[in-house]
Amino acid sequence: MSDHEDNEQDHDDFEDEVGGEGNRIIGGRAKAVVEHITRSIADEPDAIDVDMIERRGEVTLLVHADKSDMGRLIGKRGRVVQALRQVTRAAGAAEGIRASVDIVE
């Protein structure tokens, strides 16, 4: 087998482990991105919890954080949360969905 065929075989094995197309979690990539970024920013990363609400191809991610991290996640003039929303929209677009983020206590 050539290197290309080996890589193709590895890729197929990975897809089998994840599950078929029907088993994919809509918004999973966007949620993973939001969890990673918010936990990296927060002083209390274990307090971060991201809930996902799905409605007709749109996903809203609600980030629950410790009160002490709210300002850090929102940022001066809302710049951090705006950047987080842009990255989330891009991650959602990669999955073919609309994704948004809200920070809640």
C-alpha atoms as a PDB file:
ATOM      1  CA  MET A   1       0.000   0.000   0.000  1.00  0.00           C
ATOM      2  CA  SER A   2       1.174   3.501  -0.717  1.00  0.00           C
ATOM      3  CA  ASP A   3       1.375   6.218   1.941  1.00  0.00           C
ATOM      4  CA  HIS A   4      -1.751   7.818   0.500  1.00  0.00           C
ATOM      5  CA  GLU A   5      -3.691   4.558   0.814  1.00  0.00           C
ATOM      6  CA  ASP A   6      -2.441   4.113   4.394  1.00  0.00           C
ATOM      7  CA  ASN A   7      -3.648   7.604   5.316  1.00  0.00           C
ATOM      8  CA  GLU A   8      -6.982   6.942   3.646  1.00  0.00           C
ATOM      9  CA  GLN A   9      -7.376   3.718   5.625  1.00  0.00           C
ATOM     10  CA  ASP A  10      -6.543   5.504   8.907  1.00  0.00           C
ATOM     11  CA  HIS A  11      -9.110   8.200   8.086  1.00  0.00           C
ATOM     12  CA  ASP A  12     -11.804   5.576   7.394  1.00  0.00           C
ATOM     13  CA  ASP A  13     -11.066   3.823  10.697  1.00  0.00           C
ATOM     14  CA  PHE A  14     -11.419   7.106  12.563  1.00  0.00           C
ATOM     15  CA  GLU A  15     -14.815   7.797  10.999  1.00  0.00           C
ATOM     16  CA  ASP A  16     -16.019   4.334  12.061  1.00  0.00           C
ATOM     17  CA  GLU A  17     -15.045   5.096  15.658  1.00  0.00           C
ATOM     18  CA  VAL A  18     -16.895   8.403  15.682  1.00  0.00           C
ATOM     19  CA  GLY A  19     -20.046   6.929  14.211  1.00  0.00           C
ATOM     20  CA  GLY A  20     -22.038   7.300  11.060  1.00  0.00           C
ATOM     21  CA  GLU A  21     -23.370  10.520   9.629  1.00  0.00           C
ATOM     22  CA  GLY A  22     -26.648  10.107  11.511  1.00  0.00           C
ATOM     23  CA  ASN A  23     -24.878   9.908  14.869  1.00  0.00           C
ATOM     24  CA  ARG A  24     -23.064  13.221  14.640  1.00  0.00           C
ATOM     25  CA  ILE A  25     -23.851  15.836  17.272  1.00  0.00           C
ATOM     26  CA  ILE A  26     -24.978  19.018  15.574  1.00  0.00           C
ATOM     27  CA  GLY A  27     -22.882  21.889  16.868  1.00  0.00           C
ATOM     28  CA  GLY A  28     -20.312  19.568  18.426  1.00  0.00           C
ATOM     29  CA  ARG A  29     -17.364  21.356  16.855  1.00  0.00           C
ATOM     30  CA  ALA A  30     -18.639  24.801  17.869  1.00  0.00           C
ATOM     31  CA  LYS A  31     -19.254  23.577  21.429  1.00  0.00           C
ATOM     32  CA  ALA A  32     -15.750  22.090  21.650  1.00  0.00           C
ATOM     33  CA  VAL A  33     -14.231  25.369  20.426  1.00  0.00           C
ATOM     34  CA  VAL A  34     -16.205  27.424  22.959  1.00  0.00           C
ATOM     35  CA  GLU A  35     -15.313  25.070  25.828  1.00  0.00           C
ATOM     36  CA  HIS A  36     -11.622  25.150  24.940  1.00  0.00           C
ATOM     37  CA  ILE A  37     -11.399  28.927  24.596  1.00  0.00           C
ATOM     38  CA  THR A  38     -13.452  29.787  27.680  1.00  0.00           C
ATOM     39  CA  ARG A  39     -11.587  27.301  29.876  1.00  0.00           C
ATOM     40  CA  SER A  40      -8.288  28.733  28.639  1.00  0.00           C
ATOM     41  CA  ILE A  41      -9.361  32.265  29.586  1.00  0.00           C
ATOM     42  CA  ALA A  42     -11.048  31.527  32.927  1.00  0.00           C
ATOM     43  CA  ASP A  43      -9.330  31.510  36.311  1.00  0.00           C
ATOM     44  CA  GLU A  44     -11.769  28.757  37.356  1.00  0.00           C
ATOM     45  CA  PRO A  45     -11.817  26.480  34.266  1.00  0.00           C
ATOM     46  CA  ASP A  46     -13.636  23.684  36.121  1.00  0.00           C
ATOM     47  CA  ALA A  47     -16.577  26.050  36.722  1.00  0.00           C
ATOM     48  CA  ILE A  48     -17.144  26.488  32.972  1.00  0.00           C
ATOM     49  CA  ASP A  49     -20.180  24.631  31.663  1.00  0.00           C
ATOM     50  CA  VAL A  50     -21.470  24.996  28.117  1.00  0.00           C
ATOM     51  CA  ASP A  51     -25.108  24.132  27.374  1.00  0.00           C
ATOM     52  CA  MET A  52     -26.311  23.753  23.819  1.00  0.00           C
ATOM     53  CA  ILE A  53     -29.773  24.656  22.563  1.00  0.00           C
ATOM     54  CA  GLU A  54     -30.579  23.524  19.032  1.00  0.00           C
ATOM     55  CA  ARG A  55     -33.395  24.987  16.965  1.00  0.00           C
ATOM     56  CA  ARG A  56     -33.896  24.367  13.231  1.00  0.00           C
ATOM     57  CA  GLY A  57     -30.254  24.195  12.192  1.00  0.00           C
ATOM     58  CA  GLU A  58     -29.229  26.927  14.613  1.00  0.00           C
ATOM     59  CA  VAL A  59     -27.270  26.292  17.785  1.00  0.00           C
ATOM     60  CA  THR A  60     -27.038  28.631  20.763  1.00  0.00           C
ATOM     61  CA  LEU A  61     -24.272  27.913  23.242  1.00  0.00           C
ATOM     62  CA  LEU A  62     -24.810  29.170  26.778  1.00  0.00           C
ATOM     63  CA  VAL A  63     -21.583  29.531  28.746  1.00  0.00           C
ATOM     64  CA  HIS A  64     -22.061  29.267  32.509  1.00  0.00           C
ATOM     65  CA  ALA A  65     -19.047  30.581  34.422  1.00  0.00           C
ATOM     66  CA  ASP A  66     -17.994  31.552  37.921  1.00  0.00           C
ATOM     67  CA  LYS A  67     -18.937  35.140  38.807  1.00  0.00           C
ATOM     68  CA  SER A  68     -15.258  36.011  39.162  1.00  0.00           C
ATOM     69  CA  ASP A  69     -14.659  35.062  35.492  1.00  0.00           C
ATOM     70  CA  MET A  70     -17.574  36.971  33.964  1.00  0.00           C
ATOM     71  CA  GLY A  71     -15.577  40.148  33.362  1.00  0.00           C
ATOM     72  CA  ARG A  72     -12.662  38.178  31.964  1.00  0.00           C
ATOM     73  CA  LEU A  73     -14.923  36.346  29.490  1.00  0.00           C
ATOM     74  CA  ILE A  74     -16.740  39.492  28.396  1.00  0.00           C
ATOM     75  CA  GLY A  75     -13.634  41.693  28.218  1.00  0.00           C
ATOM     76  CA  LYS A  76     -13.270  45.449  28.010  1.00  0.00           C
ATOM     77  CA  ARG A  77     -16.054  46.854  25.853  1.00  0.00           C
ATOM     78  CA  GLY A  78     -17.176  43.269  25.135  1.00  0.00           C
ATOM     79  CA  ARG A  79     -14.211  42.556  22.897  1.00  0.00           C
ATOM     80  CA  VAL A  80     -13.466  39.063  24.220  1.00  0.00           C
ATOM     81  CA  VAL A  81     -17.045  37.829  23.878  1.00  0.00           C
ATOM     82  CA  GLN A  82     -17.294  39.383  20.407  1.00  0.00           C
ATOM     83  CA  ALA A  83     -14.149  37.538  19.317  1.00  0.00           C
ATOM     84  CA  LEU A  84     -15.532  34.331  20.836  1.00  0.00           C
ATOM     85  CA  ARG A  85     -18.763  34.824  18.877  1.00  0.00           C
ATOM     86  CA  GLN A  86     -16.832  35.256  15.616  1.00  0.00           C
ATOM     87  CA  VAL A  87     -14.804  32.090  16.159  1.00  0.00           C
ATOM     88  CA  THR A  88     -17.991  30.226  17.093  1.00  0.00           C
ATOM     89  CA  ARG A  89     -19.750  31.416  13.934  1.00  0.00           C
ATOM     90  CA  ALA A  90     -16.797  30.155  11.880  1.00  0.00           C
ATOM     91  CA  ALA A  91     -16.827  26.762  13.634  1.00  0.00           C
ATOM     92  CA  GLY A  92     -20.562  26.502  13.049  1.00  0.00           C
ATOM     93  CA  ALA A  93     -20.187  27.461   9.394  1.00  0.00           C
ATOM     94  CA  ALA A  94     -17.662  24.645   8.983  1.00  0.00           C
ATOM     95  CA  GLU A  95     -20.458  22.290  10.089  1.00  0.00           C
ATOM     96  CA  GLY A  96     -23.063  24.013   7.943  1.00  0.00           C
ATOM     97  CA  ILE A  97     -25.004  25.510  10.856  1.00  0.00           C
ATOM     98  CA  ARG A  98     -25.459  28.913  12.467  1.00  0.00           C
ATOM     99  CA  ALA A  99     -23.909  29.069  15.921  1.00  0.00           C
ATOM    100  CA  SER A 100     -24.029  31.812  18.545  1.00  0.00           C
ATOM    101  CA  VAL A 101     -22.742  32.268  22.098  1.00  0.00           C
ATOM    102  CA  ASP A 102     -24.146  33.919  25.211  1.00  0.00           C
ATOM    103  CA  ILE A 103     -22.398  34.271  28.568  1.00  0.00           C
ATOM    104  CA  VAL A 104     -24.710  33.606  31.530  1.00  0.00           C
ATOM    105  CA  GLU A 105     -24.204  33.344  35.298  1.00  0.00           C
END
